[in-house]
Amino acid sequence: MKNLKIVLIANALFSFVTGLMCLLFTSKLSNFLTVENSIILSILGIGLLIFAAFVLFVATQRTGSRLFVNGIILADFTWVLASITLIILRPVSFSLGALSLIAAIAFIVLTFGLLQHKFKV
């Protein structure tokens, strides 16, 4: 259970920092990612902050809810699948740097999902 809590807290921290960066650097990230409508990054940032708060809440509970942990794992794997879809379909012309950033974040999120799955009760 201790290992699961550590991974959940790391996931929450990563999601919080990523969400905060989406909100604080919306314009720069939009240019880097070649996203014309920067509101998408603002919405993503807010969503990540909400997700981070939820993950931290689950991580700090004395008895972890298997349902909530499974939901977090599912959300992580969904993020990875969505990232792969973006990389393959390229709905906008992402730069190589943008594609690399999307892939790197997806790899980190995949790692969280796999470790959470491994350590869940």
C-alpha atoms as a PDB file:
ATOM      1  CA  MET A   1       0.000   0.000   0.000  1.00  0.00           C
ATOM      2  CA  LYS A   2       2.888   2.346   0.777  1.00  0.00           C
ATOM      3  CA  ASN A   3       4.330   1.970  -2.739  1.00  0.00           C
ATOM      4  CA  LEU A   4       0.926   2.709  -4.259  1.00  0.00           C
ATOM      5  CA  LYS A   5       0.604   5.894  -2.206  1.00  0.00           C
ATOM      6  CA  ILE A   6       4.054   7.049  -3.337  1.00  0.00           C
ATOM      7  CA  VAL A   7       3.192   6.478  -7.002  1.00  0.00           C
ATOM      8  CA  LEU A   8      -0.188   8.194  -6.604  1.00  0.00           C
ATOM      9  CA  ILE A   9       1.431  11.220  -4.964  1.00  0.00           C
ATOM     10  CA  ALA A  10       4.031  11.385  -7.756  1.00  0.00           C
ATOM     11  CA  ASN A  11       1.209  11.174 -10.316  1.00  0.00           C
ATOM     12  CA  ALA A  12      -0.674  13.965  -8.545  1.00  0.00           C
ATOM     13  CA  LEU A  13       2.426  16.147  -8.422  1.00  0.00           C
ATOM     14  CA  PHE A  14       3.227  15.586 -12.103  1.00  0.00           C
ATOM     15  CA  SER A  15      -0.385  16.289 -13.090  1.00  0.00           C
ATOM     16  CA  PHE A  16      -0.438  19.441 -10.941  1.00  0.00           C
ATOM     17  CA  VAL A  17       2.796  20.819 -12.411  1.00  0.00           C
ATOM     18  CA  THR A  18       1.716  19.982 -15.964  1.00  0.00           C
ATOM     19  CA  GLY A  19      -1.716  21.568 -15.427  1.00  0.00           C
ATOM     20  CA  LEU A  20      -0.166  24.667 -13.897  1.00  0.00           C
ATOM     21  CA  MET A  21       2.225  24.991 -16.837  1.00  0.00           C
ATOM     22  CA  CYS A  22      -0.704  24.715 -19.264  1.00  0.00           C
ATOM     23  CA  LEU A  23      -2.396  27.611 -17.474  1.00  0.00           C
ATOM     24  CA  LEU A  24       0.653  29.811 -16.897  1.00  0.00           C
ATOM     25  CA  PHE A  25       2.275  29.321 -20.301  1.00  0.00           C
ATOM     26  CA  THR A  26      -0.790  28.877 -22.503  1.00  0.00           C
ATOM     27  CA  SER A  27       0.407  31.156 -25.279  1.00  0.00           C
ATOM     28  CA  LYS A  28       3.947  29.760 -25.445  1.00  0.00           C
ATOM     29  CA  LEU A  29       2.734  26.163 -25.319  1.00  0.00           C
ATOM     30  CA  SER A  30       0.126  26.864 -28.000  1.00  0.00           C
ATOM     31  CA  ASN A  31       2.844  28.184 -30.291  1.00  0.00           C
ATOM     32  CA  PHE A  32       5.174  25.281 -29.500  1.00  0.00           C
ATOM     33  CA  LEU A  33       2.462  22.675 -30.042  1.00  0.00           C
ATOM     34  CA  THR A  34       1.022  24.577 -33.024  1.00  0.00           C
ATOM     35  CA  VAL A  35      -2.414  24.652 -31.416  1.00  0.00           C
ATOM     36  CA  GLU A  36      -4.385  27.555 -32.872  1.00  0.00           C
ATOM     37  CA  ASN A  37      -7.045  27.713 -30.166  1.00  0.00           C
ATOM     38  CA  SER A  38      -5.206  28.214 -26.870  1.00  0.00           C
ATOM     39  CA  ILE A  39      -8.423  27.695 -24.886  1.00  0.00           C
ATOM     40  CA  ILE A  40      -7.797  23.961 -25.380  1.00  0.00           C
ATOM     41  CA  LEU A  41      -4.665  24.188 -23.225  1.00  0.00           C
ATOM     42  CA  SER A  42      -6.506  26.208 -20.583  1.00  0.00           C
ATOM     43  CA  ILE A  43      -9.230  23.565 -20.383  1.00  0.00           C
ATOM     44  CA  LEU A  44      -6.569  20.830 -20.281  1.00  0.00           C
ATOM     45  CA  GLY A  45      -4.764  22.681 -17.481  1.00  0.00           C
ATOM     46  CA  ILE A  46      -7.925  22.999 -15.391  1.00  0.00           C
ATOM     47  CA  GLY A  47      -8.723  19.332 -15.986  1.00  0.00           C
ATOM     48  CA  LEU A  48      -5.238  18.290 -14.906  1.00  0.00           C
ATOM     49  CA  LEU A  49      -5.484  20.362 -11.721  1.00  0.00           C
ATOM     50  CA  ILE A  50      -8.801  18.720 -10.854  1.00  0.00           C
ATOM     51  CA  PHE A  51      -7.326  15.281 -11.643  1.00  0.00           C
ATOM     52  CA  ALA A  52      -4.267  16.054  -9.492  1.00  0.00           C
ATOM     53  CA  ALA A  53      -6.465  17.030  -6.545  1.00  0.00           C
ATOM     54  CA  PHE A  54      -8.496  13.833  -6.896  1.00  0.00           C
ATOM     55  CA  VAL A  55      -5.386  11.630  -7.134  1.00  0.00           C
ATOM     56  CA  LEU A  56      -3.880  13.325  -4.081  1.00  0.00           C
ATOM     57  CA  PHE A  57      -7.152  12.820  -2.197  1.00  0.00           C
ATOM     58  CA  VAL A  58      -7.117   9.097  -3.030  1.00  0.00           C
ATOM     59  CA  ALA A  59      -3.418   8.818  -2.115  1.00  0.00           C
ATOM     60  CA  THR A  60      -3.933  10.351   1.317  1.00  0.00           C
ATOM     61  CA  GLN A  61      -6.822   8.134   2.398  1.00  0.00           C
ATOM     62  CA  ARG A  62      -6.012   5.523   5.042  1.00  0.00           C
ATOM     63  CA  THR A  63      -7.740   2.802   3.110  1.00  0.00           C
ATOM     64  CA  GLY A  64      -7.400   3.167  -0.636  1.00  0.00           C
ATOM     65  CA  SER A  65     -10.547   2.699  -2.632  1.00  0.00           C
ATOM     66  CA  ARG A  66      -9.925   0.051  -5.258  1.00  0.00           C
ATOM     67  CA  LEU A  67     -12.598   1.632  -7.456  1.00  0.00           C
ATOM     68  CA  PHE A  68     -10.918   5.051  -7.337  1.00  0.00           C
ATOM     69  CA  VAL A  69      -7.458   3.604  -7.944  1.00  0.00           C
ATOM     70  CA  ASN A  70      -8.769   1.619 -10.908  1.00  0.00           C
ATOM     71  CA  GLY A  71     -10.371   4.810 -12.242  1.00  0.00           C
ATOM     72  CA  ILE A  72      -7.044   6.641 -11.986  1.00  0.00           C
ATOM     73  CA  ILE A  73      -5.277   3.796 -13.780  1.00  0.00           C
ATOM     74  CA  LEU A  74      -7.939   3.845 -16.501  1.00  0.00           C
ATOM     75  CA  ALA A  75      -7.557   7.624 -16.863  1.00  0.00           C
ATOM     76  CA  ASP A  76      -3.778   7.251 -17.201  1.00  0.00           C
ATOM     77  CA  PHE A  77      -4.076   4.554 -19.867  1.00  0.00           C
ATOM     78  CA  THR A  78      -6.702   6.629 -21.692  1.00  0.00           C
ATOM     79  CA  TRP A  79      -4.261   9.577 -21.714  1.00  0.00           C
ATOM     80  CA  VAL A  80      -1.603   7.311 -23.255  1.00  0.00           C
ATOM     81  CA  LEU A  81      -3.996   6.039 -25.941  1.00  0.00           C
ATOM     82  CA  ALA A  82      -5.106   9.592 -26.739  1.00  0.00           C
ATOM     83  CA  SER A  83      -1.461  10.662 -27.016  1.00  0.00           C
ATOM     84  CA  ILE A  84      -0.666   7.792 -29.385  1.00  0.00           C
ATOM     85  CA  THR A  85      -3.721   8.740 -31.454  1.00  0.00           C
ATOM     86  CA  LEU A  86      -2.526  12.363 -31.643  1.00  0.00           C
ATOM     87  CA  ILE A  87       0.942  11.257 -32.723  1.00  0.00           C
ATOM     88  CA  ILE A  88      -0.388   8.917 -35.401  1.00  0.00           C
ATOM     89  CA  LEU A  89      -3.279  10.993 -36.785  1.00  0.00           C
ATOM     90  CA  ARG A  90      -1.651  14.423 -36.321  1.00  0.00           C
ATOM     91  CA  PRO A  91      -4.822  16.529 -36.490  1.00  0.00           C
ATOM     92  CA  VAL A  92      -2.511  19.558 -36.606  1.00  0.00           C
ATOM     93  CA  SER A  93       1.033  19.751 -37.948  1.00  0.00           C
ATOM     94  CA  PHE A  94       2.937  19.167 -34.745  1.00  0.00           C
ATOM     95  CA  SER A  95       6.624  20.027 -34.750  1.00  0.00           C
ATOM     96  CA  LEU A  96       9.135  17.314 -33.933  1.00  0.00           C
ATOM     97  CA  GLY A  97       9.603  18.948 -30.527  1.00  0.00           C
ATOM     98  CA  ALA A  98       5.861  18.864 -29.888  1.00  0.00           C
ATOM     99  CA  LEU A  99       5.620  15.205 -30.904  1.00  0.00           C
ATOM    100  CA  SER A 100       8.562  14.423 -28.618  1.00  0.00           C
ATOM    101  CA  LEU A 101       6.902  16.253 -25.708  1.00  0.00           C
ATOM    102  CA  ILE A 102       3.608  14.409 -26.243  1.00  0.00           C
ATOM    103  CA  ALA A 103       5.465  11.074 -26.384  1.00  0.00           C
ATOM    104  CA  ALA A 104       7.559  11.845 -23.284  1.00  0.00           C
ATOM    105  CA  ILE A 105       4.520  12.811 -21.229  1.00  0.00           C
ATOM    106  CA  ALA A 106       2.671   9.710 -22.451  1.00  0.00           C
ATOM    107  CA  PHE A 107       5.628   7.550 -21.360  1.00  0.00           C
ATOM    108  CA  ILE A 108       5.615   9.119 -17.884  1.00  0.00           C
ATOM    109  CA  VAL A 109       1.847   8.649 -17.566  1.00  0.00           C
ATOM    110  CA  LEU A 110       2.164   5.049 -18.796  1.00  0.00           C
ATOM    111  CA  THR A 111       4.778   4.428 -16.110  1.00  0.00           C
ATOM    112  CA  PHE A 112       2.417   5.798 -13.452  1.00  0.00           C
ATOM    113  CA  GLY A 113      -0.405   3.603 -14.728  1.00  0.00           C
ATOM    114  CA  LEU A 114       1.721   0.446 -14.789  1.00  0.00           C
ATOM    115  CA  LEU A 115       3.169   1.052 -11.313  1.00  0.00           C
ATOM    116  CA  GLN A 116      -0.262   1.846  -9.859  1.00  0.00           C
ATOM    117  CA  HIS A 117      -1.581  -1.367 -11.390  1.00  0.00           C
ATOM    118  CA  LYS A 118       1.364  -3.315  -9.944  1.00  0.00           C
ATOM    119  CA  PHE A 119       0.982  -1.909  -6.416  1.00  0.00           C
ATOM    120  CA  LYS A 120      -2.806  -1.764  -6.076  1.00  0.00           C
ATOM    121  CA  VAL A 121      -4.294  -3.929  -3.365  1.00  0.00           C
END
